[in-house]
Amino acid sequence: MIHLLKTYEECIAEFGSNHYLDKAIESGRLFKIEKGIYSDEQLPSQLSVVVFKYPNTIMTMESAFYYHGLTDSIPDEYVLCTERNGTKIKDIRIKQIFCQKKLFLIGKSKMEYQGIKLNIYDRERMLIELVRNREKLPYDYYKEIIRSYRDKLFDLDIEKMQEYIRQFPGSKTINEVIAREVF
């Protein structure tokens, strides 16, 4: 069963007033998860809360590699991408990455993970991000993901990936690294 998260405004609309909202919380029919977020479940998953709280973000880097099954290393924090001019996220669970507006939506897709629908970059975009960030990642971690991409080579949409690459700065280098390390 998927548990429903609700905003304060949705709860007021449902219960009619702050008084009745408080009564629902006291009776255990509703739980306050954090400021402005309520649930019919006492302990919803952190992932569901993060996705609910930050609906205009896209999972990337370590989070996306994990949810795509490219690594079994569980990230310490959720890595979310926002547009460069987006609001700074002040949440210890989140590592925020800012992206140029023209690159932000490239490869955005939806995925369902344990019943939770999340915005995530597709595997093709994530291979580009892996190559673009290879100097910042631990060597063993980078190699593990490259091996995973080699194993899933026939699952990749190469034409779509090539279209993505053309839009990125340093596209020639990205192409060379992917050709050398994955193909």
N, C-alpha and C. Protein backbone atom coordinates (compact mmCIF):
# COMPACT_ATOMS: atom_id res chain seq x y z
N MET A 1 0.84 -1.19 0.00
CA MET A 1 0.00 0.00 0.00
C MET A 1 0.88 1.25 0.00
N ILE A 2 0.60 2.16 -0.89
CA ILE A 2 1.34 3.42 -0.94
C ILE A 2 0.68 4.38 0.04
N HIS A 3 1.50 4.96 0.88
CA HIS A 3 0.98 5.92 1.86
C HIS A 3 1.03 7.31 1.27
N LEU A 4 0.04 8.07 1.58
CA LEU A 4 -0.13 9.38 0.99
C LEU A 4 0.49 10.46 1.86
N LEU A 5 1.31 11.28 1.25
CA LEU A 5 1.83 12.47 1.91
C LEU A 5 0.96 13.64 1.50
N LYS A 6 0.77 14.57 2.41
CA LYS A 6 -0.09 15.72 2.15
C LYS A 6 0.56 16.99 2.68
N THR A 7 0.22 18.09 2.03
CA THR A 7 0.67 19.39 2.51
C THR A 7 -0.27 19.87 3.62
N TYR A 8 0.14 20.90 4.32
CA TYR A 8 -0.70 21.50 5.35
C TYR A 8 -2.01 21.97 4.71
N GLU A 9 -1.92 22.61 3.55
CA GLU A 9 -3.11 23.14 2.88
C GLU A 9 -4.08 22.02 2.52
N GLU A 10 -3.57 20.89 2.04
CA GLU A 10 -4.42 19.75 1.72
C GLU A 10 -5.11 19.21 2.97
N CYS A 11 -4.39 19.19 4.08
CA CYS A 11 -4.96 18.70 5.34
C CYS A 11 -6.06 19.63 5.84
N ILE A 12 -5.84 20.93 5.73
CA ILE A 12 -6.86 21.89 6.16
C ILE A 12 -8.11 21.73 5.28
N ALA A 13 -7.91 21.53 3.98
CA ALA A 13 -9.05 21.32 3.08
C ALA A 13 -9.80 20.05 3.46
N GLU A 14 -9.07 19.02 3.85
CA GLU A 14 -9.70 17.75 4.21
C GLU A 14 -10.38 17.80 5.57
N PHE A 15 -9.72 18.38 6.57
CA PHE A 15 -10.24 18.35 7.93
C PHE A 15 -11.04 19.60 8.32
N GLY A 16 -10.93 20.65 7.54
CA GLY A 16 -11.77 21.82 7.76
C GLY A 16 -11.15 22.94 8.57
N SER A 17 -10.28 22.61 9.51
CA SER A 17 -9.66 23.66 10.32
C SER A 17 -8.43 23.11 11.02
N ASN A 18 -7.66 24.00 11.58
CA ASN A 18 -6.47 23.62 12.35
C ASN A 18 -6.87 22.76 13.55
N HIS A 19 -7.98 23.09 14.16
CA HIS A 19 -8.47 22.34 15.32
C HIS A 19 -8.71 20.87 14.96
N TYR A 20 -9.41 20.62 13.85
CA TYR A 20 -9.69 19.25 13.45
C TYR A 20 -8.44 18.53 12.93
N LEU A 21 -7.53 19.29 12.37
CA LEU A 21 -6.23 18.71 11.97
C LEU A 21 -5.49 18.22 13.21
N ASP A 22 -5.45 19.05 14.25
CA ASP A 22 -4.81 18.66 15.51
C ASP A 22 -5.48 17.42 16.11
N LYS A 23 -6.80 17.35 16.03
CA LYS A 23 -7.54 16.18 16.55
C LYS A 23 -7.16 14.91 15.77
N ALA A 24 -7.00 15.02 14.46
CA ALA A 24 -6.60 13.87 13.64
C ALA A 24 -5.21 13.39 14.03
N ILE A 25 -4.33 14.34 14.33
CA ILE A 25 -2.97 13.98 14.76
C ILE A 25 -3.02 13.33 16.14
N GLU A 26 -3.78 13.90 17.06
CA GLU A 26 -3.91 13.34 18.41
C GLU A 26 -4.48 11.92 18.39
N SER A 27 -5.42 11.67 17.49
CA SER A 27 -6.07 10.35 17.44
C SER A 27 -5.23 9.31 16.69
N GLY A 28 -4.16 9.76 16.02
CA GLY A 28 -3.31 8.82 15.28
C GLY A 28 -3.79 8.52 13.88
N ARG A 29 -4.78 9.25 13.39
CA ARG A 29 -5.24 9.07 12.01
C ARG A 29 -4.30 9.75 11.02
N LEU A 30 -3.51 10.70 11.53
CA LEU A 30 -2.60 11.47 10.69
C LEU A 30 -1.35 11.75 11.50
N PHE A 31 -0.21 11.85 10.82
CA PHE A 31 1.05 12.10 11.49
C PHE A 31 1.75 13.29 10.85
N LYS A 32 2.28 14.16 11.70
CA LYS A 32 3.07 15.27 11.20
C LYS A 32 4.49 14.75 11.00
N ILE A 33 4.98 14.79 9.76
CA ILE A 33 6.29 14.24 9.44
C ILE A 33 7.36 15.29 9.65
N GLU A 34 7.14 16.47 9.10
CA GLU A 34 7.99 17.63 9.31
C GLU A 34 7.14 18.84 8.96
N LYS A 35 7.68 20.02 9.12
CA LYS A 35 6.90 21.23 8.89
C LYS A 35 6.23 21.19 7.52
N GLY A 36 4.88 21.27 7.55
CA GLY A 36 4.10 21.33 6.32
C GLY A 36 3.88 20.00 5.61
N ILE A 37 4.35 18.89 6.18
CA ILE A 37 4.18 17.58 5.54
C ILE A 37 3.54 16.61 6.53
N TYR A 38 2.46 15.98 6.08
CA TYR A 38 1.70 15.06 6.91
C TYR A 38 1.52 13.74 6.16
N SER A 39 1.28 12.67 6.93
CA SER A 39 1.12 11.35 6.32
C SER A 39 0.14 10.52 7.12
N ASP A 40 -0.45 9.53 6.44
CA ASP A 40 -1.30 8.57 7.15
C ASP A 40 -0.44 7.46 7.75
N GLU A 41 0.87 7.52 7.53
CA GLU A 41 1.81 6.55 8.06
C GLU A 41 2.77 7.28 9.01
N GLN A 42 3.09 6.67 10.14
CA GLN A 42 3.94 7.33 11.12
C GLN A 42 5.36 7.56 10.61
N LEU A 43 5.91 6.58 9.91
CA LEU A 43 7.28 6.70 9.42
C LEU A 43 7.37 6.40 7.92
N PRO A 44 6.98 7.35 7.09
CA PRO A 44 7.12 7.12 5.64
C PRO A 44 8.59 7.08 5.27
N SER A 45 8.92 6.52 4.12
CA SER A 45 10.32 6.44 3.72
C SER A 45 10.89 7.84 3.48
N GLN A 46 12.18 7.98 3.77
CA GLN A 46 12.84 9.27 3.53
C GLN A 46 12.75 9.64 2.06
N LEU A 47 12.89 8.64 1.18
CA LEU A 47 12.82 8.91 -0.25
C LEU A 47 11.48 9.54 -0.61
N SER A 48 10.38 8.98 -0.09
CA SER A 48 9.07 9.54 -0.43
C SER A 48 8.93 10.97 0.08
N VAL A 49 9.49 11.26 1.24
CA VAL A 49 9.42 12.62 1.79
C VAL A 49 10.24 13.58 0.93
N VAL A 50 11.44 13.16 0.55
CA VAL A 50 12.31 14.01 -0.28
C VAL A 50 11.66 14.30 -1.63
N VAL A 51 11.11 13.26 -2.27
CA VAL A 51 10.47 13.43 -3.58
C VAL A 51 9.25 14.35 -3.45
N PHE A 52 8.50 14.20 -2.38
CA PHE A 52 7.32 15.04 -2.15
C PHE A 52 7.71 16.49 -1.89
N LYS A 53 8.74 16.66 -1.08
CA LYS A 53 9.15 18.01 -0.66
C LYS A 53 9.83 18.79 -1.79
N TYR A 54 10.52 18.10 -2.69
CA TYR A 54 11.27 18.76 -3.76
C TYR A 54 10.83 18.23 -5.13
N PRO A 55 9.60 18.52 -5.53
CA PRO A 55 9.05 17.94 -6.77
C PRO A 55 9.68 18.47 -8.06
N ASN A 56 10.36 19.61 -7.99
CA ASN A 56 10.94 20.20 -9.20
C ASN A 56 12.42 19.90 -9.36
N THR A 57 12.88 18.87 -8.68
CA THR A 57 14.28 18.47 -8.78
C THR A 57 14.36 17.15 -9.55
N ILE A 58 15.59 16.79 -9.94
CA ILE A 58 15.81 15.55 -10.67
C ILE A 58 16.96 14.79 -9.99
N MET A 59 16.73 13.52 -9.69
CA MET A 59 17.79 12.69 -9.09
C MET A 59 18.95 12.57 -10.07
N THR A 60 20.16 12.73 -9.55
CA THR A 60 21.35 12.63 -10.39
C THR A 60 22.48 12.00 -9.61
N MET A 61 23.60 11.87 -10.25
CA MET A 61 24.86 11.34 -9.72
C MET A 61 24.66 10.11 -8.85
N GLU A 62 25.20 10.08 -7.64
CA GLU A 62 25.21 8.86 -6.83
C GLU A 62 23.81 8.28 -6.63
N SER A 63 22.81 9.16 -6.45
CA SER A 63 21.43 8.68 -6.29
C SER A 63 20.94 8.00 -7.55
N ALA A 64 21.14 8.63 -8.69
CA ALA A 64 20.67 8.05 -9.96
C ALA A 64 21.42 6.76 -10.28
N PHE A 65 22.73 6.73 -10.05
CA PHE A 65 23.49 5.50 -10.31
C PHE A 65 22.92 4.35 -9.47
N TYR A 66 22.59 4.64 -8.21
CA TYR A 66 22.04 3.61 -7.33
C TYR A 66 20.65 3.16 -7.79
N TYR A 67 19.74 4.10 -8.06
CA TYR A 67 18.37 3.73 -8.44
C TYR A 67 18.32 3.06 -9.81
N HIS A 68 19.28 3.34 -10.68
CA HIS A 68 19.35 2.67 -11.98
C HIS A 68 20.03 1.30 -11.88
N GLY A 69 20.50 0.93 -10.68
CA GLY A 69 21.12 -0.38 -10.50
C GLY A 69 22.53 -0.47 -11.07
N LEU A 70 23.20 0.66 -11.20
CA LEU A 70 24.56 0.68 -11.74
C LEU A 70 25.61 0.50 -10.65
N THR A 71 25.20 0.62 -9.41
CA THR A 71 26.07 0.41 -8.26
C THR A 71 25.22 -0.10 -7.11
N ASP A 72 25.85 -0.79 -6.17
CA ASP A 72 25.11 -1.18 -4.97
C ASP A 72 25.50 -0.32 -3.78
N SER A 73 26.29 0.73 -4.03
CA SER A 73 26.67 1.68 -2.98
C SER A 73 25.51 2.63 -2.71
N ILE A 74 24.96 2.52 -1.52
CA ILE A 74 23.84 3.38 -1.14
C ILE A 74 24.40 4.76 -0.81
N PRO A 75 23.91 5.80 -1.48
CA PRO A 75 24.44 7.15 -1.22
C PRO A 75 24.10 7.63 0.19
N ASP A 76 25.01 8.44 0.75
CA ASP A 76 24.80 9.00 2.09
C ASP A 76 23.73 10.07 2.10
N GLU A 77 23.53 10.71 0.95
CA GLU A 77 22.54 11.77 0.84
C GLU A 77 21.88 11.67 -0.54
N TYR A 78 20.74 12.30 -0.67
CA TYR A 78 20.06 12.33 -1.96
C TYR A 78 20.69 13.43 -2.80
N VAL A 79 21.11 13.08 -4.01
CA VAL A 79 21.74 14.06 -4.89
C VAL A 79 20.68 14.53 -5.87
N LEU A 80 20.32 15.81 -5.77
CA LEU A 80 19.25 16.38 -6.57
C LEU A 80 19.79 17.51 -7.43
N CYS A 81 19.34 17.55 -8.67
CA CYS A 81 19.72 18.60 -9.60
C CYS A 81 18.60 19.62 -9.68
N THR A 82 18.99 20.90 -9.68
CA THR A 82 18.05 21.99 -9.89
C THR A 82 18.65 22.92 -10.93
N GLU A 83 17.81 23.78 -11.48
CA GLU A 83 18.33 24.80 -12.39
C GLU A 83 19.26 25.72 -11.62
N ARG A 84 20.22 26.27 -12.33
CA ARG A 84 21.23 27.13 -11.71
C ARG A 84 20.62 28.26 -10.90
N ASN A 85 19.53 28.84 -11.36
CA ASN A 85 18.90 29.95 -10.63
C ASN A 85 17.88 29.47 -9.61
N GLY A 86 17.83 28.17 -9.35
CA GLY A 86 16.89 27.62 -8.38
C GLY A 86 17.24 28.00 -6.95
N THR A 87 16.28 27.83 -6.08
CA THR A 87 16.45 28.13 -4.66
C THR A 87 17.43 27.14 -4.03
N LYS A 88 18.29 27.64 -3.17
CA LYS A 88 19.23 26.78 -2.45
C LYS A 88 18.44 25.90 -1.49
N ILE A 89 18.72 24.61 -1.52
CA ILE A 89 18.05 23.67 -0.63
C ILE A 89 18.89 23.53 0.63
N LYS A 90 18.26 23.83 1.77
CA LYS A 90 18.95 23.71 3.06
C LYS A 90 18.34 22.52 3.79
N ASP A 91 18.88 21.36 3.50
CA ASP A 91 18.37 20.11 4.06
C ASP A 91 19.56 19.15 4.14
N ILE A 92 19.87 18.65 5.33
CA ILE A 92 21.06 17.81 5.50
C ILE A 92 20.98 16.50 4.72
N ARG A 93 19.77 16.11 4.30
CA ARG A 93 19.62 14.88 3.52
C ARG A 93 19.98 15.07 2.05
N ILE A 94 20.14 16.32 1.64
CA ILE A 94 20.25 16.65 0.22
C ILE A 94 21.62 17.21 -0.13
N LYS A 95 22.17 16.72 -1.25
CA LYS A 95 23.31 17.36 -1.90
C LYS A 95 22.73 17.94 -3.19
N GLN A 96 22.81 19.24 -3.32
CA GLN A 96 22.21 19.92 -4.46
C GLN A 96 23.26 20.20 -5.53
N ILE A 97 22.91 19.92 -6.77
CA ILE A 97 23.78 20.22 -7.90
C ILE A 97 23.00 21.18 -8.79
N PHE A 98 23.63 22.30 -9.12
CA PHE A 98 22.99 23.29 -9.99
C PHE A 98 23.38 23.01 -11.44
N CYS A 99 22.44 23.20 -12.35
CA CYS A 99 22.65 22.88 -13.76
C CYS A 99 22.17 24.06 -14.62
N GLN A 100 22.86 24.28 -15.73
CA GLN A 100 22.43 25.30 -16.66
C GLN A 100 21.02 24.99 -17.14
N LYS A 101 20.23 26.03 -17.33
CA LYS A 101 18.83 25.86 -17.75
C LYS A 101 18.74 25.04 -19.04
N LYS A 102 19.63 25.28 -20.01
CA LYS A 102 19.53 24.58 -21.29
C LYS A 102 19.86 23.08 -21.17
N LEU A 103 20.53 22.67 -20.09
CA LEU A 103 20.88 21.26 -19.90
C LEU A 103 19.98 20.55 -18.89
N PHE A 104 19.21 21.32 -18.12
CA PHE A 104 18.47 20.78 -16.99
C PHE A 104 17.51 19.65 -17.36
N LEU A 105 16.74 19.80 -18.40
CA LEU A 105 15.71 18.81 -18.73
C LEU A 105 16.20 17.69 -19.64
N ILE A 106 17.43 17.77 -20.12
CA ILE A 106 17.95 16.73 -21.02
C ILE A 106 18.04 15.40 -20.27
N GLY A 107 17.30 14.42 -20.74
CA GLY A 107 17.34 13.09 -20.12
C GLY A 107 16.45 12.92 -18.91
N LYS A 108 15.63 13.92 -18.60
CA LYS A 108 14.72 13.78 -17.46
C LYS A 108 13.72 12.67 -17.77
N SER A 109 13.55 11.77 -16.82
CA SER A 109 12.57 10.70 -16.98
C SER A 109 11.90 10.44 -15.64
N LYS A 110 10.92 9.57 -15.66
CA LYS A 110 10.22 9.16 -14.43
C LYS A 110 10.57 7.70 -14.17
N MET A 111 10.70 7.38 -12.91
CA MET A 111 10.97 6.00 -12.51
C MET A 111 10.14 5.71 -11.27
N GLU A 112 9.71 4.46 -11.17
CA GLU A 112 9.04 4.05 -9.94
C GLU A 112 10.01 3.16 -9.18
N TYR A 113 10.28 3.54 -7.94
CA TYR A 113 11.20 2.78 -7.09
C TYR A 113 10.46 2.48 -5.78
N GLN A 114 10.23 1.22 -5.52
CA GLN A 114 9.49 0.76 -4.33
C GLN A 114 8.19 1.53 -4.16
N GLY A 115 7.48 1.71 -5.28
CA GLY A 115 6.18 2.37 -5.25
C GLY A 115 6.24 3.89 -5.24
N ILE A 116 7.43 4.45 -5.28
CA ILE A 116 7.59 5.91 -5.24
C ILE A 116 7.98 6.40 -6.63
N LYS A 117 7.23 7.34 -7.17
CA LYS A 117 7.53 7.90 -8.48
C LYS A 117 8.52 9.05 -8.30
N LEU A 118 9.64 8.95 -9.01
CA LEU A 118 10.64 10.01 -8.87
C LEU A 118 11.13 10.50 -10.21
N ASN A 119 11.53 11.77 -10.23
CA ASN A 119 12.19 12.35 -11.40
C ASN A 119 13.65 11.94 -11.32
N ILE A 120 14.15 11.43 -12.44
CA ILE A 120 15.53 10.94 -12.45
C ILE A 120 16.07 11.08 -13.87
N TYR A 121 17.36 11.36 -13.99
CA TYR A 121 17.94 11.36 -15.32
C TYR A 121 18.06 9.93 -15.81
N ASP A 122 17.79 9.72 -17.11
CA ASP A 122 17.88 8.38 -17.68
C ASP A 122 19.33 7.91 -17.73
N ARG A 123 19.52 6.63 -18.04
CA ARG A 123 20.87 6.05 -18.03
C ARG A 123 21.80 6.72 -19.04
N GLU A 124 21.24 7.13 -20.17
CA GLU A 124 22.07 7.79 -21.19
C GLU A 124 22.63 9.11 -20.66
N ARG A 125 21.78 9.91 -20.03
CA ARG A 125 22.26 11.18 -19.44
C ARG A 125 23.26 10.89 -18.32
N MET A 126 23.00 9.85 -17.54
CA MET A 126 23.89 9.56 -16.42
C MET A 126 25.26 9.08 -16.87
N LEU A 127 25.35 8.44 -18.04
CA LEU A 127 26.67 8.08 -18.56
C LEU A 127 27.45 9.35 -18.91
N ILE A 128 26.78 10.32 -19.46
CA ILE A 128 27.42 11.61 -19.75
C ILE A 128 27.87 12.27 -18.45
N GLU A 129 27.02 12.26 -17.43
CA GLU A 129 27.38 12.87 -16.14
C GLU A 129 28.54 12.12 -15.49
N LEU A 130 28.56 10.80 -15.64
CA LEU A 130 29.66 10.01 -15.09
C LEU A 130 30.98 10.46 -15.71
N VAL A 131 30.99 10.60 -17.03
CA VAL A 131 32.21 11.01 -17.74
C VAL A 131 32.57 12.45 -17.39
N ARG A 132 31.60 13.33 -17.34
CA ARG A 132 31.87 14.74 -17.02
C ARG A 132 32.44 14.91 -15.61
N ASN A 133 32.07 14.02 -14.71
CA ASN A 133 32.49 14.14 -13.30
C ASN A 133 33.51 13.10 -12.88
N ARG A 134 34.14 12.43 -13.84
CA ARG A 134 35.03 11.31 -13.52
C ARG A 134 36.19 11.70 -12.62
N GLU A 135 36.68 12.92 -12.72
CA GLU A 135 37.81 13.36 -11.88
C GLU A 135 37.39 13.59 -10.43
N LYS A 136 36.11 13.80 -10.19
CA LYS A 136 35.60 14.09 -8.85
C LYS A 136 35.18 12.84 -8.09
N LEU A 137 35.07 11.72 -8.79
CA LEU A 137 34.59 10.48 -8.17
C LEU A 137 35.75 9.58 -7.78
N PRO A 138 35.58 8.80 -6.70
CA PRO A 138 36.62 7.82 -6.36
C PRO A 138 36.84 6.86 -7.53
N TYR A 139 38.08 6.53 -7.80
CA TYR A 139 38.44 5.72 -8.96
C TYR A 139 37.70 4.39 -8.99
N ASP A 140 37.66 3.67 -7.87
CA ASP A 140 36.99 2.36 -7.82
C ASP A 140 35.50 2.47 -8.10
N TYR A 141 34.88 3.52 -7.57
CA TYR A 141 33.46 3.77 -7.79
C TYR A 141 33.20 4.04 -9.27
N TYR A 142 34.03 4.89 -9.86
CA TYR A 142 33.92 5.21 -11.29
C TYR A 142 34.03 3.94 -12.13
N LYS A 143 35.03 3.11 -11.84
CA LYS A 143 35.24 1.88 -12.61
C LYS A 143 34.08 0.89 -12.44
N GLU A 144 33.52 0.81 -11.23
CA GLU A 144 32.37 -0.06 -10.99
C GLU A 144 31.20 0.33 -11.90
N ILE A 145 30.94 1.62 -12.00
CA ILE A 145 29.82 2.08 -12.81
C ILE A 145 30.12 1.90 -14.30
N ILE A 146 31.34 2.15 -14.71
CA ILE A 146 31.73 1.91 -16.11
C ILE A 146 31.51 0.43 -16.46
N ARG A 147 31.89 -0.49 -15.55
CA ARG A 147 31.66 -1.92 -15.79
C ARG A 147 30.17 -2.22 -15.92
N SER A 148 29.36 -1.57 -15.09
CA SER A 148 27.91 -1.76 -15.17
C SER A 148 27.37 -1.29 -16.52
N TYR A 149 27.89 -0.18 -16.99
CA TYR A 149 27.46 0.32 -18.31
C TYR A 149 27.87 -0.66 -19.41
N ARG A 150 29.07 -1.23 -19.30
CA ARG A 150 29.49 -2.22 -20.31
C ARG A 150 28.53 -3.41 -20.32
N ASP A 151 28.11 -3.84 -19.12
CA ASP A 151 27.19 -4.98 -19.01
C ASP A 151 25.81 -4.66 -19.58
N LYS A 152 25.42 -3.37 -19.54
CA LYS A 152 24.08 -2.95 -20.00
C LYS A 152 24.14 -2.22 -21.34
N LEU A 153 25.23 -2.40 -22.04
CA LEU A 153 25.47 -1.68 -23.30
C LEU A 153 24.30 -1.79 -24.28
N PHE A 154 23.72 -2.98 -24.40
CA PHE A 154 22.65 -3.18 -25.37
C PHE A 154 21.32 -2.58 -24.91
N ASP A 155 21.25 -2.16 -23.64
CA ASP A 155 20.05 -1.50 -23.13
C ASP A 155 20.06 0.01 -23.39
N LEU A 156 21.21 0.54 -23.79
CA LEU A 156 21.33 1.98 -24.00
C LEU A 156 20.80 2.37 -25.38
N ASP A 157 20.19 3.54 -25.44
CA ASP A 157 19.76 4.13 -26.70
C ASP A 157 20.90 5.05 -27.17
N ILE A 158 21.76 4.50 -28.02
CA ILE A 158 22.98 5.21 -28.44
C ILE A 158 22.64 6.49 -29.21
N GLU A 159 21.63 6.44 -30.07
CA GLU A 159 21.25 7.64 -30.83
C GLU A 159 20.80 8.75 -29.90
N LYS A 160 20.00 8.39 -28.91
CA LYS A 160 19.52 9.39 -27.95
C LYS A 160 20.71 9.97 -27.18
N MET A 161 21.63 9.11 -26.77
CA MET A 161 22.80 9.57 -26.03
C MET A 161 23.64 10.52 -26.88
N GLN A 162 23.83 10.19 -28.15
CA GLN A 162 24.60 11.06 -29.05
C GLN A 162 23.93 12.43 -29.19
N GLU A 163 22.60 12.44 -29.25
CA GLU A 163 21.87 13.71 -29.32
C GLU A 163 22.10 14.53 -28.04
N TYR A 164 22.08 13.86 -26.90
CA TYR A 164 22.35 14.54 -25.64
C TYR A 164 23.76 15.13 -25.65
N ILE A 165 24.74 14.31 -26.01
CA ILE A 165 26.15 14.72 -25.95
C ILE A 165 26.38 15.99 -26.76
N ARG A 166 25.77 16.10 -27.93
CA ARG A 166 25.96 17.29 -28.78
C ARG A 166 25.59 18.59 -28.07
N GLN A 167 24.74 18.51 -27.06
CA GLN A 167 24.27 19.72 -26.37
C GLN A 167 25.19 20.13 -25.20
N PHE A 168 26.15 19.29 -24.87
CA PHE A 168 27.03 19.56 -23.73
C PHE A 168 28.34 20.18 -24.16
N PRO A 169 28.88 21.10 -23.34
CA PRO A 169 30.23 21.58 -23.63
C PRO A 169 31.22 20.43 -23.49
N GLY A 170 32.24 20.43 -24.32
CA GLY A 170 33.23 19.35 -24.27
C GLY A 170 32.71 18.07 -24.87
N SER A 171 31.79 18.17 -25.82
CA SER A 171 31.16 16.97 -26.38
C SER A 171 32.17 16.03 -27.04
N LYS A 172 33.20 16.58 -27.66
CA LYS A 172 34.21 15.73 -28.31
C LYS A 172 34.92 14.84 -27.27
N THR A 173 35.31 15.44 -26.17
CA THR A 173 35.98 14.69 -25.10
C THR A 173 35.04 13.65 -24.49
N ILE A 174 33.80 14.02 -24.26
CA ILE A 174 32.82 13.08 -23.70
C ILE A 174 32.69 11.87 -24.62
N ASN A 175 32.55 12.13 -25.92
CA ASN A 175 32.45 11.04 -26.91
C ASN A 175 33.67 10.13 -26.88
N GLU A 176 34.85 10.74 -26.81
CA GLU A 176 36.10 9.95 -26.81
C GLU A 176 36.19 9.06 -25.59
N VAL A 177 35.87 9.61 -24.42
CA VAL A 177 35.96 8.83 -23.18
C VAL A 177 34.96 7.68 -23.19
N ILE A 178 33.72 7.94 -23.62
CA ILE A 178 32.72 6.89 -23.68
C ILE A 178 33.15 5.81 -24.68
N ALA A 179 33.65 6.21 -25.84
CA ALA A 179 34.10 5.23 -26.83
C ALA A 179 35.23 4.37 -26.30
N ARG A 180 36.15 4.98 -25.58
CA ARG A 180 37.34 4.28 -25.05
C ARG A 180 36.98 3.38 -23.87
N GLU A 181 36.13 3.85 -22.96
CA GLU A 181 35.92 3.14 -21.71
C GLU A 181 34.69 2.24 -21.67
N VAL A 182 33.70 2.51 -22.53
CA VAL A 182 32.46 1.72 -22.48
C VAL A 182 32.35 0.79 -23.68
N PHE A 183 32.62 1.30 -24.88
CA PHE A 183 32.39 0.51 -26.10
C PHE A 183 33.53 -0.36 -26.43
